[in-house]
């Protein structure tokens, strides 16, 4: 599928717009009024991941969700800016262009790493680092052989222009999609599986995801964790087999004042399994920060 991709049947498509901000053409969804909460999906995801969370947050905030470069409906302008730092810089440029000042940045999985780096670049309306909420934050390096093999493999796959086509020949069956997601410890609705199947059957999206994986480097961010000034909340799904709870606990222990909460009986896609619970925790955390700010300035 070539860009611009067809949004027919996509969750909250009526809230979608495409915004050009060099070097990318972003797909963005916006709804609600109030303090800005920016949502960043994980690798291989898209705005659909927030389909049930966004309306709940929008009752108290202006919520903005975007697709990462090359994924979902965002057209990447270059393959050279797929790394975590470059992605954060490009989102910061988009925020500056559009006048967005996030009070909070919510990131899922790899999106949490982008959120933390972004919190070091942009300022909230209070003139401080925005709050960061990480849902099953992928903030750890691979251990053992995967530490060197996985990045090399991802890079080789991403650099081969035929790879995305091979991944998507015949499309992605709902059964295969269901199996892949359930291996992460999550169980979704039929609609959830269908949406991920649609993404997995799109060679452009697959190519963008592989390019992101090939460019991913966390060493500098992990070294910087003790210097993070943002208020941080990490929500870790108890049954997540993709990013174990210990990853959030280890990262949280390195960030001053970070809070880590375990979500019982939820997996890697906890925000899709229990949107009411996750949205409630996000709003409670963000509102507590605003109350603290008012008290300090009174």
Protein backbone atom coordinates (compact mmCIF):
# COMPACT_ATOMS: atom_id res chain seq x y z
CA UNK A 1 0.00 0.00 0.00
CA UNK A 2 1.45 3.37 -1.01
CA UNK A 3 0.97 6.57 0.95
CA UNK A 4 -1.38 8.24 1.55
CA UNK A 5 -2.86 5.07 2.97
CA UNK A 6 -6.59 4.58 3.22
CA UNK A 7 -7.94 5.30 6.71
CA UNK A 8 -11.26 3.58 5.99
CA UNK A 9 -12.18 1.41 8.96
CA UNK A 10 -9.36 2.77 11.12
CA UNK A 11 -10.31 3.58 14.73
CA UNK A 12 -11.01 7.29 15.35
CA UNK A 13 -10.31 8.08 11.68
CA UNK A 14 -12.54 11.14 12.02
CA UNK A 15 -9.92 12.58 14.38
CA UNK A 16 -7.05 12.00 11.93
CA UNK A 17 -4.98 14.51 10.03
CA UNK A 18 -1.70 14.42 8.14
CA UNK A 19 0.89 17.03 9.07
CA UNK A 20 4.05 17.72 7.09
CA UNK A 21 7.03 18.48 9.32
CA UNK A 22 10.40 17.74 7.81
CA UNK A 23 11.48 15.16 7.09
CA UNK A 24 8.24 13.21 7.65
CA UNK A 25 4.55 13.40 6.82
CA UNK A 26 2.93 12.52 10.12
CA UNK A 27 -0.38 10.84 10.81
CA UNK A 28 -1.85 12.41 13.94
CA UNK A 29 -5.10 11.99 15.85
CA UNK A 30 -6.37 14.69 18.24
CA UNK A 31 -9.36 14.99 20.54
CA UNK A 32 -10.46 16.76 23.72
CA UNK A 33 -9.49 20.04 25.39
CA UNK A 34 -7.21 20.92 28.28
CA UNK A 35 -3.60 20.06 29.11
CA UNK A 36 -1.86 18.17 26.31
CA UNK A 37 -1.16 14.46 26.72
CA UNK A 38 0.98 13.03 23.92
CA UNK A 39 0.70 9.30 23.15
CA UNK A 40 3.53 7.31 21.52
CA UNK A 41 2.96 3.69 20.45
CA UNK A 42 5.52 0.89 20.52
CA UNK A 43 7.43 -0.77 17.68
CA UNK A 44 5.06 -2.30 15.15
CA UNK A 45 2.04 -0.44 16.52
CA UNK A 46 0.07 2.63 15.46
CA UNK A 47 -2.56 5.03 16.76
CA UNK A 48 -5.10 2.19 16.91
CA UNK A 49 -3.34 1.03 20.07
CA UNK A 50 -4.91 3.99 21.90
CA UNK A 51 -8.42 3.63 20.41
CA UNK A 52 -10.12 3.04 23.77
CA UNK A 53 -7.73 5.05 25.95
CA UNK A 54 -7.96 8.29 23.96
CA UNK A 55 -11.68 9.01 24.50
CA UNK A 56 -11.25 8.41 28.23
CA UNK A 57 -8.29 10.77 28.52
CA UNK A 58 -10.05 13.32 26.31
CA UNK A 59 -12.65 13.89 29.03
CA UNK A 60 -10.00 15.85 30.93
CA UNK A 61 -7.25 16.65 28.42
CA UNK A 62 -6.31 17.40 24.85
CA UNK A 63 -4.97 14.08 23.65
CA UNK A 64 -2.61 13.76 20.69
CA UNK A 65 -1.54 10.40 19.27
CA UNK A 66 0.87 9.97 16.39
CA UNK A 67 2.26 7.18 14.25
CA UNK A 68 6.04 6.81 14.38
CA UNK A 69 7.94 7.37 11.10
CA UNK A 70 7.35 4.61 8.56
CA UNK A 71 4.73 2.92 10.73
CA UNK A 72 0.97 3.06 10.59
CA UNK A 73 0.01 6.01 8.39
CA UNK A 74 3.11 8.20 8.87
CA UNK A 75 5.31 8.51 5.79
CA UNK A 76 8.99 8.55 6.69
CA UNK A 77 10.91 11.15 4.72
CA UNK A 78 14.22 9.36 5.22
CA UNK A 79 15.48 6.00 6.48
CA UNK A 80 18.35 7.78 8.26
CA UNK A 81 16.20 9.06 11.15
CA UNK A 82 14.68 5.86 12.53
CA UNK A 83 16.76 5.72 15.70
CA UNK A 84 15.39 6.61 19.11
CA UNK A 85 17.22 9.94 19.49
CA UNK A 86 16.37 11.08 15.96
CA UNK A 87 12.73 10.08 16.43
CA UNK A 88 12.52 12.11 19.65
CA UNK A 89 14.12 15.11 17.93
CA UNK A 90 11.68 14.91 15.02
CA UNK A 91 8.68 14.67 17.35
CA UNK A 92 10.03 17.69 19.26
CA UNK A 93 10.19 19.59 15.97
CA UNK A 94 6.59 18.60 15.23
CA UNK A 95 5.52 19.81 18.69
CA UNK A 96 7.30 23.13 18.17
CA UNK A 97 5.74 23.61 14.73
CA UNK A 98 2.23 22.86 15.97
CA UNK A 99 2.56 24.72 19.27
CA UNK A 100 2.06 21.61 21.40
CA UNK A 101 3.43 21.76 24.95
CA UNK A 102 2.81 18.33 26.48
CA UNK A 103 1.99 18.21 30.15
CA UNK A 104 2.57 14.46 29.93
CA UNK A 105 4.00 11.99 27.42
CA UNK A 106 2.72 8.42 27.50
CA UNK A 107 4.77 5.76 25.74
CA UNK A 108 4.14 2.06 25.27
CA UNK A 109 7.08 -0.37 25.11
CA UNK A 110 9.74 1.20 22.83
CA UNK A 111 7.57 4.33 22.81
CA UNK A 112 8.46 4.80 26.48
CA UNK A 113 12.13 5.19 25.55
CA UNK A 114 11.16 7.86 23.01
CA UNK A 115 9.00 9.53 25.67
CA UNK A 116 11.87 9.70 28.16
CA UNK A 117 14.26 11.17 25.60
CA UNK A 118 11.58 13.61 24.44
CA UNK A 119 11.06 14.76 28.04
CA UNK A 120 14.66 16.01 27.95
CA UNK A 121 14.00 18.12 24.84
CA UNK A 122 10.56 19.70 25.24
CA UNK A 123 9.09 21.67 28.15
CA UNK A 124 5.63 21.48 29.67
CA UNK A 125 3.54 24.64 30.13
CA UNK A 126 4.98 24.75 33.67
CA UNK A 127 8.47 25.20 32.19
CA UNK A 128 9.50 21.79 33.47
CA UNK A 129 10.04 18.40 31.88
CA UNK A 130 6.69 16.80 31.00
CA UNK A 131 5.52 13.88 33.10
CA UNK A 132 6.29 10.48 31.57
CA UNK A 133 4.08 7.41 31.83
CA UNK A 134 5.65 4.23 30.46
CA UNK A 135 3.40 1.23 29.81
CA UNK A 136 5.53 -1.91 29.85
CA UNK A 137 8.55 0.29 29.06
CA UNK A 138 11.21 -1.40 26.90
CA UNK A 139 14.20 0.13 28.68
CA UNK A 140 16.67 -2.71 28.70
CA UNK A 141 19.27 -4.22 26.41
CA UNK A 142 19.08 -7.78 25.16
CA UNK A 143 21.15 -10.26 27.14
CA UNK A 144 23.62 -12.82 25.85
CA UNK A 145 23.80 -13.74 22.18
CA UNK A 146 20.70 -11.68 21.32
CA UNK A 147 22.58 -8.57 22.39
CA UNK A 148 24.69 -8.68 19.24
CA UNK A 149 22.71 -11.00 16.96
CA UNK A 150 19.32 -9.24 17.07
CA UNK A 151 20.49 -5.77 15.98
CA UNK A 152 22.62 -7.30 13.20
CA UNK A 153 19.70 -9.43 12.00
CA UNK A 154 17.26 -6.51 12.09
CA UNK A 155 19.67 -4.30 10.16
CA UNK A 156 20.21 -6.98 7.51
CA UNK A 157 16.46 -7.45 7.13
CA UNK A 158 15.75 -3.73 6.97
CA UNK A 159 18.41 -3.08 4.35
CA UNK A 160 17.02 -5.75 2.02
CA UNK A 161 14.21 -4.10 0.03
CA UNK A 162 12.59 -7.51 -0.56
CA UNK A 163 12.26 -8.33 3.14
CA UNK A 164 8.97 -6.51 3.84
CA UNK A 165 7.44 -8.21 0.80
CA UNK A 166 8.57 -11.63 2.03
CA UNK A 167 7.10 -10.90 5.46
CA UNK A 168 3.72 -9.97 4.01
CA UNK A 169 3.26 -12.40 1.10
CA UNK A 170 -0.31 -13.63 1.28
CA UNK A 171 -1.12 -11.09 3.99
CA UNK A 172 -1.21 -11.79 7.69
CA UNK A 173 -3.85 -14.22 8.88
CA UNK A 174 -5.89 -13.41 11.96
CA UNK A 175 -4.78 -16.74 13.42
CA UNK A 176 -1.09 -15.92 13.10
CA UNK A 177 -1.66 -12.44 14.50
CA UNK A 178 -3.59 -13.86 17.45
CA UNK A 179 -0.81 -16.33 18.20
CA UNK A 180 1.87 -13.63 18.08
CA UNK A 181 -0.02 -11.28 20.40
CA UNK A 182 -1.02 -13.97 22.87
CA UNK A 183 2.66 -14.93 23.19
CA UNK A 184 3.21 -11.49 24.72
CA UNK A 185 0.76 -12.33 27.51
CA UNK A 186 -2.17 -10.27 26.18
CA UNK A 187 -5.64 -11.24 25.00
CA UNK A 188 -7.48 -8.79 22.74
CA UNK A 189 -10.92 -8.47 21.19
CA UNK A 190 -11.53 -9.68 17.65
CA UNK A 191 -11.24 -6.07 16.47
CA UNK A 192 -7.85 -5.75 18.13
CA UNK A 193 -6.51 -8.81 16.35
CA UNK A 194 -7.96 -7.61 13.04
CA UNK A 195 -6.24 -4.23 13.30
CA UNK A 196 -2.84 -5.77 14.04
CA UNK A 197 -3.38 -8.23 11.21
CA UNK A 198 -3.99 -5.28 8.89
CA UNK A 199 -0.71 -3.69 9.95
CA UNK A 200 1.25 -6.93 9.66
CA UNK A 201 -0.06 -7.36 6.13
CA UNK A 202 1.26 -3.94 5.06
CA UNK A 203 4.80 -4.19 3.69
CA UNK A 204 5.42 -0.44 4.15
CA UNK A 205 4.58 -0.70 7.85
CA UNK A 206 6.68 -3.85 8.25
CA UNK A 207 9.60 -2.14 6.52
CA UNK A 208 9.30 0.90 8.77
CA UNK A 209 9.22 -1.28 11.88
CA UNK A 210 12.30 -3.23 10.78
CA UNK A 211 14.16 0.00 10.07
CA UNK A 212 13.33 1.24 13.57
CA UNK A 213 14.57 -2.02 15.10
CA UNK A 214 17.78 -1.88 13.06
CA UNK A 215 18.52 1.66 14.27
CA UNK A 216 17.59 1.15 17.92
CA UNK A 217 20.26 2.02 20.50
CA UNK A 218 19.49 2.38 24.21
CA UNK A 219 22.96 2.58 25.78
CA UNK A 220 23.03 6.39 26.02
CA UNK A 221 19.49 6.63 27.40
CA UNK A 222 20.10 3.93 30.00
CA UNK A 223 23.23 5.76 31.11
CA UNK A 224 21.17 8.97 31.38
CA UNK A 225 18.36 7.51 33.52
CA UNK A 226 19.74 8.88 36.85
CA UNK A 227 19.60 12.37 35.32
CA UNK A 228 15.97 12.20 34.17
CA UNK A 229 14.07 15.08 35.81
CA UNK A 230 10.57 14.17 34.62
CA UNK A 231 8.07 12.71 37.06
CA UNK A 232 7.82 9.10 35.93
CA UNK A 233 5.22 6.38 36.36
CA UNK A 234 5.86 2.92 34.93
CA UNK A 235 2.91 0.54 34.58
CA UNK A 236 4.07 -3.06 34.15
CA UNK A 237 1.75 -5.88 33.10
CA UNK A 238 2.22 -8.84 35.40
CA UNK A 239 1.89 -11.41 32.58
CA UNK A 240 3.97 -9.50 30.00
CA UNK A 241 6.33 -12.02 28.42
CA UNK A 242 7.78 -9.51 25.92
CA UNK A 243 9.05 -6.95 28.46
CA UNK A 244 9.12 -8.55 31.93
CA UNK A 245 8.15 -6.55 35.04
CA UNK A 246 11.77 -6.58 36.20
CA UNK A 247 12.71 -4.30 33.28
CA UNK A 248 10.40 -1.55 34.54
CA UNK A 249 11.56 -2.13 38.10
CA UNK A 250 15.22 -1.88 37.16
CA UNK A 251 14.73 1.28 35.09
CA UNK A 252 12.50 2.82 37.76
CA UNK A 253 15.16 2.24 40.40
CA UNK A 254 17.59 4.31 38.31
CA UNK A 255 15.30 7.35 37.92
CA UNK A 256 14.93 9.64 40.96
CA UNK A 257 11.40 9.46 42.33
CA UNK A 258 10.04 7.11 39.66
CA UNK A 259 7.00 5.05 40.62
CA UNK A 260 6.55 1.49 39.33
CA UNK A 261 3.18 -0.23 39.55
CA UNK A 262 2.37 -3.81 38.57
CA UNK A 263 -0.92 -4.46 36.75
CA UNK A 264 -2.22 -7.91 37.71
CA UNK A 265 -3.38 -10.30 34.96
CA UNK A 266 -2.40 -7.95 32.11
CA UNK A 267 0.19 -8.48 29.39
CA UNK A 268 2.28 -6.41 27.00
CA UNK A 269 -0.76 -4.63 25.52
CA UNK A 270 -2.20 -3.80 28.94
CA UNK A 271 -3.67 -0.48 27.75
CA UNK A 272 -5.70 -2.32 25.10
CA UNK A 273 -6.83 -5.02 27.52
CA UNK A 274 -7.86 -2.66 30.34
CA UNK A 275 -8.21 0.88 28.91
CA UNK A 276 -10.32 2.13 31.84
CA UNK A 277 -7.72 1.06 34.38
CA UNK A 278 -4.76 2.45 32.44
CA UNK A 279 -6.48 5.73 31.53
CA UNK A 280 -7.47 6.18 35.17
CA UNK A 281 -3.89 5.70 36.34
CA UNK A 282 -2.58 8.15 33.72
CA UNK A 283 -5.07 10.87 34.68
CA UNK A 284 -4.53 10.34 38.39
CA UNK A 285 -0.77 10.65 37.99
CA UNK A 286 -0.93 13.71 35.72
CA UNK A 287 -3.49 15.45 37.95
CA UNK A 288 -1.38 14.81 41.05
CA UNK A 289 1.54 16.54 39.36
CA UNK A 290 -0.55 19.57 38.50
CA UNK A 291 -1.83 19.79 42.07
CA UNK A 292 1.72 19.60 43.41
CA UNK A 293 2.79 22.38 41.02
CA UNK A 294 -0.08 24.62 42.18
CA UNK A 295 0.80 23.99 45.84
CA UNK A 296 4.46 24.84 45.28
CA UNK A 297 3.61 28.05 43.43
CA UNK A 298 0.92 29.21 45.90
